[in-house]
Amino acid sequence: MLHDNSQYYLSKNEPAKSCLLALRSIILQQDDEVTETQKYGMPCFCYKNKMFCYLWTDKKTDEPYLLMVEGKHLQHPELEEGNRSRMKIFGSTPAQTCR
């Protein structure tokens, strides 16, 4: 079943909206088996029907970030674990990431 996530993206202010749409496009172009749905009110991306990432914005700064579901298996200096045991986030500011 195809979910319409356009309302989520359209509800965001610029420049976060454009950044999230750019990230969405990049994610969906990675493989034909990447699909988009919505979980917990946010866009969720699946690969072969398994969730692998979400797009969201920070509540305080409204800056977009990519949440990697199984981030504990990923090692990258810009991935933040915080107090999460399973997930990691890649925070971004639109001026840096989505030009």
N, C-alpha and C. Protein backbone atom coordinates (compact mmCIF):
# COMPACT_ATOMS: atom_id res chain seq x y z
N MET A 1 0.83 -1.18 0.00
CA MET A 1 0.00 0.00 0.00
C MET A 1 0.88 1.24 0.00
N LEU A 2 0.60 2.16 -0.89
CA LEU A 2 1.38 3.38 -1.02
C LEU A 2 0.83 4.44 -0.08
N HIS A 3 1.70 5.04 0.70
CA HIS A 3 1.29 6.07 1.64
C HIS A 3 1.69 7.44 1.09
N ASP A 4 0.81 8.41 1.24
CA ASP A 4 1.11 9.75 0.78
C ASP A 4 1.74 10.54 1.92
N ASN A 5 3.03 10.76 1.82
CA ASN A 5 3.75 11.51 2.84
C ASN A 5 3.90 12.98 2.48
N SER A 6 3.28 13.40 1.39
CA SER A 6 3.50 14.77 0.94
C SER A 6 3.09 15.80 1.99
N GLN A 7 2.07 15.52 2.77
CA GLN A 7 1.63 16.47 3.79
C GLN A 7 2.72 16.71 4.83
N TYR A 8 3.47 15.67 5.17
CA TYR A 8 4.56 15.84 6.13
C TYR A 8 5.57 16.85 5.59
N TYR A 9 6.00 16.66 4.34
CA TYR A 9 7.00 17.55 3.75
C TYR A 9 6.45 18.96 3.56
N LEU A 10 5.21 19.05 3.09
CA LEU A 10 4.61 20.36 2.84
C LEU A 10 4.38 21.16 4.11
N SER A 11 4.28 20.49 5.24
CA SER A 11 4.04 21.19 6.51
C SER A 11 5.29 21.85 7.06
N LYS A 12 6.44 21.54 6.51
CA LYS A 12 7.71 22.09 7.01
C LYS A 12 8.02 23.44 6.37
N ASN A 13 8.74 24.25 7.10
CA ASN A 13 9.17 25.55 6.58
C ASN A 13 10.49 25.40 5.85
N GLU A 14 10.76 26.32 4.96
CA GLU A 14 12.06 26.36 4.29
C GLU A 14 13.10 26.84 5.29
N PRO A 15 14.32 26.41 5.21
CA PRO A 15 14.91 25.53 4.23
C PRO A 15 14.79 24.04 4.58
N ALA A 16 14.18 23.71 5.73
CA ALA A 16 14.06 22.30 6.13
C ALA A 16 13.26 21.51 5.11
N LYS A 17 12.21 22.11 4.55
CA LYS A 17 11.37 21.39 3.58
C LYS A 17 12.19 20.93 2.38
N SER A 18 12.95 21.83 1.80
CA SER A 18 13.76 21.47 0.63
C SER A 18 14.82 20.44 0.97
N CYS A 19 15.41 20.55 2.14
CA CYS A 19 16.42 19.59 2.57
C CYS A 19 15.81 18.21 2.73
N LEU A 20 14.66 18.12 3.39
CA LEU A 20 13.99 16.83 3.57
C LEU A 20 13.59 16.22 2.23
N LEU A 21 13.10 17.04 1.33
CA LEU A 21 12.72 16.53 -0.01
C LEU A 21 13.95 16.03 -0.77
N ALA A 22 15.08 16.73 -0.62
CA ALA A 22 16.31 16.29 -1.28
C ALA A 22 16.79 14.96 -0.69
N LEU A 23 16.75 14.84 0.64
CA LEU A 23 17.14 13.59 1.29
C LEU A 23 16.22 12.45 0.86
N ARG A 24 14.93 12.72 0.79
CA ARG A 24 13.95 11.72 0.34
C ARG A 24 14.30 11.22 -1.05
N SER A 25 14.59 12.14 -1.95
CA SER A 25 14.94 11.77 -3.32
C SER A 25 16.21 10.92 -3.37
N ILE A 26 17.22 11.31 -2.60
CA ILE A 26 18.48 10.55 -2.56
C ILE A 26 18.24 9.14 -2.05
N ILE A 27 17.46 9.01 -0.99
CA ILE A 27 17.18 7.69 -0.40
C ILE A 27 16.44 6.81 -1.39
N LEU A 28 15.40 7.34 -2.02
CA LEU A 28 14.59 6.53 -2.94
C LEU A 28 15.36 6.12 -4.20
N GLN A 29 16.37 6.88 -4.58
CA GLN A 29 17.15 6.56 -5.78
C GLN A 29 18.21 5.48 -5.55
N GLN A 30 18.41 5.06 -4.32
CA GLN A 30 19.49 4.12 -4.02
C GLN A 30 19.24 2.72 -4.54
N ASP A 31 17.99 2.29 -4.59
CA ASP A 31 17.68 0.93 -5.04
C ASP A 31 16.20 0.85 -5.37
N ASP A 32 15.86 0.02 -6.34
CA ASP A 32 14.45 -0.15 -6.72
C ASP A 32 13.62 -0.77 -5.60
N GLU A 33 14.27 -1.42 -4.64
CA GLU A 33 13.53 -2.07 -3.55
C GLU A 33 13.39 -1.18 -2.32
N VAL A 34 13.81 0.08 -2.42
CA VAL A 34 13.59 1.03 -1.34
C VAL A 34 12.19 1.60 -1.52
N THR A 35 11.40 1.53 -0.46
CA THR A 35 10.04 2.05 -0.48
C THR A 35 9.85 3.03 0.67
N GLU A 36 8.85 3.87 0.54
CA GLU A 36 8.55 4.86 1.57
C GLU A 36 7.18 4.58 2.16
N THR A 37 7.10 4.72 3.46
CA THR A 37 5.85 4.59 4.18
C THR A 37 5.85 5.63 5.28
N GLN A 38 4.94 5.53 6.21
CA GLN A 38 4.92 6.44 7.34
C GLN A 38 4.75 5.64 8.62
N LYS A 39 5.60 5.90 9.58
CA LYS A 39 5.55 5.27 10.90
C LYS A 39 5.70 6.37 11.94
N TYR A 40 4.91 6.31 12.98
CA TYR A 40 5.00 7.26 14.08
C TYR A 40 4.90 8.72 13.60
N GLY A 41 4.18 8.94 12.51
CA GLY A 41 3.98 10.28 11.99
C GLY A 41 5.13 10.84 11.18
N MET A 42 6.12 10.02 10.88
CA MET A 42 7.26 10.50 10.11
C MET A 42 7.52 9.59 8.92
N PRO A 43 8.14 10.13 7.86
CA PRO A 43 8.49 9.29 6.72
C PRO A 43 9.48 8.20 7.12
N CYS A 44 9.18 7.00 6.71
CA CYS A 44 10.00 5.84 7.02
C CYS A 44 10.36 5.16 5.71
N PHE A 45 11.59 4.74 5.58
CA PHE A 45 12.06 4.08 4.37
C PHE A 45 12.43 2.64 4.68
N CYS A 46 12.00 1.75 3.80
CA CYS A 46 12.23 0.32 3.96
C CYS A 46 13.04 -0.20 2.79
N TYR A 47 13.82 -1.21 3.06
CA TYR A 47 14.55 -1.93 2.01
C TYR A 47 14.14 -3.38 2.13
N LYS A 48 13.56 -3.90 1.07
CA LYS A 48 13.03 -5.26 1.06
C LYS A 48 12.10 -5.47 2.26
N ASN A 49 11.23 -4.49 2.47
CA ASN A 49 10.19 -4.50 3.51
C ASN A 49 10.72 -4.44 4.94
N LYS A 50 11.98 -4.07 5.13
CA LYS A 50 12.53 -3.89 6.48
C LYS A 50 12.91 -2.42 6.65
N MET A 51 12.46 -1.82 7.75
CA MET A 51 12.76 -0.42 8.01
C MET A 51 14.27 -0.22 8.15
N PHE A 52 14.76 0.85 7.50
CA PHE A 52 16.18 1.15 7.70
C PHE A 52 16.45 2.60 8.07
N CYS A 53 15.54 3.54 7.75
CA CYS A 53 15.76 4.90 8.19
C CYS A 53 14.48 5.72 8.20
N TYR A 54 14.53 6.83 8.93
CA TYR A 54 13.44 7.79 9.03
C TYR A 54 13.99 9.18 8.75
N LEU A 55 13.12 10.07 8.32
CA LEU A 55 13.45 11.49 8.23
C LEU A 55 12.64 12.23 9.28
N TRP A 56 13.27 13.17 9.95
CA TRP A 56 12.58 13.91 11.00
C TRP A 56 13.27 15.24 11.18
N THR A 57 12.66 16.11 11.99
CA THR A 57 13.30 17.38 12.31
C THR A 57 13.42 17.51 13.83
N ASP A 58 14.50 18.14 14.25
CA ASP A 58 14.74 18.37 15.66
C ASP A 58 13.67 19.32 16.19
N LYS A 59 13.09 19.00 17.33
CA LYS A 59 12.01 19.81 17.89
C LYS A 59 12.46 21.20 18.31
N LYS A 60 13.70 21.34 18.74
CA LYS A 60 14.19 22.64 19.21
C LYS A 60 14.69 23.51 18.07
N THR A 61 15.45 22.92 17.14
CA THR A 61 16.08 23.72 16.08
C THR A 61 15.35 23.65 14.75
N ASP A 62 14.46 22.69 14.59
CA ASP A 62 13.74 22.43 13.34
C ASP A 62 14.68 22.01 12.21
N GLU A 63 15.89 21.55 12.56
CA GLU A 63 16.83 21.09 11.54
C GLU A 63 16.57 19.62 11.23
N PRO A 64 16.64 19.26 9.96
CA PRO A 64 16.38 17.88 9.56
C PRO A 64 17.47 16.92 10.02
N TYR A 65 17.07 15.68 10.20
CA TYR A 65 18.05 14.64 10.45
C TYR A 65 17.55 13.31 9.92
N LEU A 66 18.50 12.43 9.70
CA LEU A 66 18.25 11.08 9.21
C LEU A 66 18.50 10.14 10.37
N LEU A 67 17.52 9.33 10.72
CA LEU A 67 17.65 8.38 11.82
C LEU A 67 17.84 6.99 11.21
N MET A 68 18.96 6.37 11.51
CA MET A 68 19.28 5.04 11.00
C MET A 68 18.81 4.00 12.01
N VAL A 69 17.89 3.12 11.60
CA VAL A 69 17.27 2.16 12.51
C VAL A 69 18.30 1.24 13.17
N GLU A 70 19.16 0.64 12.40
CA GLU A 70 20.19 -0.25 12.95
C GLU A 70 21.55 0.46 12.97
N GLY A 71 21.53 1.70 13.43
CA GLY A 71 22.74 2.51 13.46
C GLY A 71 23.84 1.93 14.31
N LYS A 72 23.50 1.08 15.26
CA LYS A 72 24.54 0.49 16.12
C LYS A 72 25.55 -0.30 15.31
N HIS A 73 25.19 -0.70 14.10
CA HIS A 73 26.10 -1.46 13.24
C HIS A 73 26.93 -0.56 12.33
N LEU A 74 26.66 0.74 12.37
CA LEU A 74 27.35 1.68 11.50
C LEU A 74 28.39 2.47 12.28
N GLN A 75 29.56 2.61 11.72
CA GLN A 75 30.63 3.38 12.33
C GLN A 75 30.95 4.56 11.42
N HIS A 76 30.61 5.75 11.85
CA HIS A 76 30.92 6.96 11.11
C HIS A 76 31.01 8.10 12.12
N PRO A 77 32.01 8.96 12.01
CA PRO A 77 32.20 10.01 13.02
C PRO A 77 31.03 11.00 13.12
N GLU A 78 30.23 11.14 12.09
CA GLU A 78 29.12 12.10 12.14
C GLU A 78 27.80 11.48 12.57
N LEU A 79 27.79 10.18 12.84
CA LEU A 79 26.58 9.54 13.37
C LEU A 79 26.58 9.68 14.88
N GLU A 80 25.46 10.14 15.42
CA GLU A 80 25.34 10.35 16.86
C GLU A 80 24.48 9.27 17.48
N GLU A 81 24.99 8.64 18.52
CA GLU A 81 24.25 7.60 19.22
C GLU A 81 23.38 8.19 20.33
N GLY A 82 23.89 9.19 21.00
CA GLY A 82 23.17 9.78 22.12
C GLY A 82 22.85 8.72 23.16
N ASN A 83 21.63 8.71 23.67
CA ASN A 83 21.25 7.70 24.66
C ASN A 83 20.47 6.55 24.03
N ARG A 84 20.62 6.39 22.74
CA ARG A 84 19.93 5.31 22.03
C ARG A 84 20.79 4.06 22.03
N SER A 85 20.17 2.90 22.15
CA SER A 85 20.94 1.65 22.13
C SER A 85 20.99 1.04 20.73
N ARG A 86 20.05 1.37 19.90
CA ARG A 86 19.94 0.72 18.59
C ARG A 86 20.13 1.70 17.44
N MET A 87 19.58 2.87 17.55
CA MET A 87 19.55 3.82 16.44
C MET A 87 20.63 4.89 16.58
N LYS A 88 21.02 5.46 15.44
CA LYS A 88 21.91 6.60 15.41
C LYS A 88 21.32 7.62 14.46
N ILE A 89 21.68 8.88 14.67
CA ILE A 89 21.17 9.91 13.79
C ILE A 89 22.32 10.61 13.08
N PHE A 90 21.99 11.09 11.90
CA PHE A 90 22.89 11.96 11.14
C PHE A 90 22.19 13.30 11.06
N GLY A 91 22.62 14.22 11.90
CA GLY A 91 22.03 15.55 11.91
C GLY A 91 22.58 16.39 10.78
N SER A 92 21.78 17.32 10.33
CA SER A 92 22.25 18.18 9.25
C SER A 92 21.62 19.56 9.40
N THR A 93 22.32 20.52 8.88
CA THR A 93 21.72 21.83 8.71
C THR A 93 21.54 21.99 7.22
N PRO A 94 20.41 22.50 6.78
CA PRO A 94 20.15 22.62 5.35
C PRO A 94 21.26 23.32 4.59
N ALA A 95 21.89 24.31 5.17
CA ALA A 95 22.95 25.04 4.48
C ALA A 95 24.16 24.15 4.22
N GLN A 96 24.41 23.16 5.08
CA GLN A 96 25.56 22.28 4.91
C GLN A 96 25.26 21.10 4.01
N THR A 97 24.11 20.46 4.18
CA THR A 97 23.85 19.18 3.57
C THR A 97 23.05 19.25 2.29
N CYS A 98 22.10 20.13 2.21
CA CYS A 98 21.14 20.11 1.11
C CYS A 98 21.23 21.36 0.26
N ARG A 99 22.34 21.53 -0.37
CA ARG A 99 22.52 22.69 -1.25
C ARG A 99 22.05 22.34 -2.63
